[in-house]
């Protein structure tokens, strides 16, 4: 769910900012509503970390499944760190 939320956020930002002149006069209302998605993804990402650790400890699934889950968590955390670097998590505009 965190990955789908982040993909939706990136798609929404690319649609809203097709015309860069829109943000010349302030942040559009649609972009303000869209900034909630990275916050939701951050909470879901924290849950992903917990469940991935449990999957490795209790040996859920086979090795390839656990490895795939771990790589998804790393990708989610990496994208969240990138969004934080650009101040897109929360309302810091």
C-alpha atoms as a PDB file:
ATOM      1  CA  UNK A   1       0.000   0.000   0.000  1.00  0.00           C
ATOM      2  CA  UNK A   2       2.838   2.407   0.729  1.00  0.00           C
ATOM      3  CA  UNK A   3       4.255   1.901  -2.754  1.00  0.00           C
ATOM      4  CA  UNK A   4       0.901   2.485  -4.417  1.00  0.00           C
ATOM      5  CA  UNK A   5       0.410   5.610  -2.322  1.00  0.00           C
ATOM      6  CA  UNK A   6       3.794   6.966  -3.389  1.00  0.00           C
ATOM      7  CA  UNK A   7       3.209   6.132  -7.051  1.00  0.00           C
ATOM      8  CA  UNK A   8      -0.135   7.918  -6.831  1.00  0.00           C
ATOM      9  CA  UNK A   9       1.578  10.923  -5.276  1.00  0.00           C
ATOM     10  CA  UNK A  10       4.233  11.107  -7.986  1.00  0.00           C
ATOM     11  CA  UNK A  11       1.631  10.699 -10.730  1.00  0.00           C
ATOM     12  CA  UNK A  12      -0.553  13.384  -9.177  1.00  0.00           C
ATOM     13  CA  UNK A  13       2.333  15.828  -8.857  1.00  0.00           C
ATOM     14  CA  UNK A  14       3.337  15.261 -12.473  1.00  0.00           C
ATOM     15  CA  UNK A  15      -0.250  15.882 -13.614  1.00  0.00           C
ATOM     16  CA  UNK A  16      -0.718  18.983 -11.474  1.00  0.00           C
ATOM     17  CA  UNK A  17       2.624  20.507 -12.403  1.00  0.00           C
ATOM     18  CA  UNK A  18       2.364  19.958 -16.161  1.00  0.00           C
ATOM     19  CA  UNK A  19       2.012  23.706 -16.329  1.00  0.00           C
ATOM     20  CA  UNK A  20       4.790  25.104 -14.085  1.00  0.00           C
ATOM     21  CA  UNK A  21       3.144  28.529 -14.124  1.00  0.00           C
ATOM     22  CA  UNK A  22       0.516  27.190 -11.729  1.00  0.00           C
ATOM     23  CA  UNK A  23       2.820  27.477  -8.731  1.00  0.00           C
ATOM     24  CA  UNK A  24       4.033  30.969  -9.621  1.00  0.00           C
ATOM     25  CA  UNK A  25       1.238  32.484  -7.550  1.00  0.00           C
ATOM     26  CA  UNK A  26       1.308  30.005  -4.653  1.00  0.00           C
ATOM     27  CA  UNK A  27       0.688  26.353  -4.000  1.00  0.00           C
ATOM     28  CA  UNK A  28      -2.465  25.107  -5.783  1.00  0.00           C
ATOM     29  CA  UNK A  29      -5.185  23.633  -3.573  1.00  0.00           C
ATOM     30  CA  UNK A  30      -5.004  20.296  -5.370  1.00  0.00           C
ATOM     31  CA  UNK A  31      -1.297  20.031  -4.541  1.00  0.00           C
ATOM     32  CA  UNK A  32      -2.019  20.811  -0.887  1.00  0.00           C
ATOM     33  CA  UNK A  33      -4.421  17.881  -0.754  1.00  0.00           C
ATOM     34  CA  UNK A  34      -1.903  15.679  -2.532  1.00  0.00           C
ATOM     35  CA  UNK A  35       0.746  16.367   0.136  1.00  0.00           C
ATOM     36  CA  UNK A  36      -1.173  14.134   2.551  1.00  0.00           C
ATOM     37  CA  UNK A  37      -0.163  11.038   0.579  1.00  0.00           C
ATOM     38  CA  UNK A  38       3.540  11.020   1.608  1.00  0.00           C
ATOM     39  CA  UNK A  39       2.475  11.359   5.250  1.00  0.00           C
ATOM     40  CA  UNK A  40       0.236   8.323   4.867  1.00  0.00           C
ATOM     41  CA  UNK A  41       3.022   6.467   3.066  1.00  0.00           C
ATOM     42  CA  UNK A  42       5.412   7.253   5.932  1.00  0.00           C
ATOM     43  CA  UNK A  43       3.070   5.590   8.419  1.00  0.00           C
ATOM     44  CA  UNK A  44       2.578   2.623   6.099  1.00  0.00           C
ATOM     45  CA  UNK A  45       6.342   2.392   5.574  1.00  0.00           C
ATOM     46  CA  UNK A  46       6.890   2.118   9.310  1.00  0.00           C
ATOM     47  CA  UNK A  47       4.464  -0.780   9.351  1.00  0.00           C
ATOM     48  CA  UNK A  48       6.318  -2.371   6.432  1.00  0.00           C
ATOM     49  CA  UNK A  49       9.552  -2.311   8.384  1.00  0.00           C
ATOM     50  CA  UNK A  50       7.942  -4.018  11.375  1.00  0.00           C
ATOM     51  CA  UNK A  51       6.317  -6.744   9.280  1.00  0.00           C
ATOM     52  CA  UNK A  52       9.490  -7.350   7.290  1.00  0.00           C
ATOM     53  CA  UNK A  53      11.481  -7.877  10.478  1.00  0.00           C
ATOM     54  CA  UNK A  54       8.810 -10.296  11.691  1.00  0.00           C
ATOM     55  CA  UNK A  55       8.897 -12.140   8.366  1.00  0.00           C
ATOM     56  CA  UNK A  56      12.646 -12.711   8.693  1.00  0.00           C
ATOM     57  CA  UNK A  57      12.449 -13.732  12.362  1.00  0.00           C
ATOM     58  CA  UNK A  58       9.584 -16.183  11.944  1.00  0.00           C
ATOM     59  CA  UNK A  59      10.686 -17.309   8.466  1.00  0.00           C
ATOM     60  CA  UNK A  60       7.408 -16.549   6.735  1.00  0.00           C
ATOM     61  CA  UNK A  61       7.387 -17.506   3.049  1.00  0.00           C
ATOM     62  CA  UNK A  62      10.443 -18.766   1.267  1.00  0.00           C
ATOM     63  CA  UNK A  63      13.741 -16.907   0.959  1.00  0.00           C
ATOM     64  CA  UNK A  64      12.926 -15.224  -2.360  1.00  0.00           C
ATOM     65  CA  UNK A  65       9.650 -13.872  -0.974  1.00  0.00           C
ATOM     66  CA  UNK A  66      11.343 -12.409   2.078  1.00  0.00           C
ATOM     67  CA  UNK A  67      14.081 -10.912  -0.090  1.00  0.00           C
ATOM     68  CA  UNK A  68      11.489  -9.324  -2.379  1.00  0.00           C
ATOM     69  CA  UNK A  69       9.666  -7.856   0.622  1.00  0.00           C
ATOM     70  CA  UNK A  70      12.946  -6.464   1.957  1.00  0.00           C
ATOM     71  CA  UNK A  71      13.787  -4.842  -1.391  1.00  0.00           C
ATOM     72  CA  UNK A  72      10.343  -3.233  -1.527  1.00  0.00           C
ATOM     73  CA  UNK A  73      10.919  -1.808   1.950  1.00  0.00           C
ATOM     74  CA  UNK A  74      14.310  -0.406   0.894  1.00  0.00           C
ATOM     75  CA  UNK A  75      12.768   1.184  -2.205  1.00  0.00           C
ATOM     76  CA  UNK A  76       9.970   2.712  -0.135  1.00  0.00           C
ATOM     77  CA  UNK A  77      12.382   4.097   2.448  1.00  0.00           C
ATOM     78  CA  UNK A  78      14.639   5.442  -0.303  1.00  0.00           C
ATOM     79  CA  UNK A  79      11.767   7.260  -1.984  1.00  0.00           C
ATOM     80  CA  UNK A  80      10.574   8.649   1.352  1.00  0.00           C
ATOM     81  CA  UNK A  81      14.071   9.934   2.108  1.00  0.00           C
ATOM     82  CA  UNK A  82      14.215  11.536  -1.348  1.00  0.00           C
ATOM     83  CA  UNK A  83      10.835  13.209  -0.763  1.00  0.00           C
ATOM     84  CA  UNK A  84      12.030  14.426   2.633  1.00  0.00           C
ATOM     85  CA  UNK A  85      15.169  15.891   1.053  1.00  0.00           C
ATOM     86  CA  UNK A  86      12.956  17.934  -1.300  1.00  0.00           C
ATOM     87  CA  UNK A  87      10.635  18.909   1.613  1.00  0.00           C
ATOM     88  CA  UNK A  88       7.649  17.114   0.112  1.00  0.00           C
ATOM     89  CA  UNK A  89       6.716  15.219   3.263  1.00  0.00           C
ATOM     90  CA  UNK A  90       4.432  17.385   5.316  1.00  0.00           C
ATOM     91  CA  UNK A  91       3.601  20.989   4.691  1.00  0.00           C
ATOM     92  CA  UNK A  92       6.943  22.819   4.616  1.00  0.00           C
ATOM     93  CA  UNK A  93       6.362  25.210   1.751  1.00  0.00           C
END
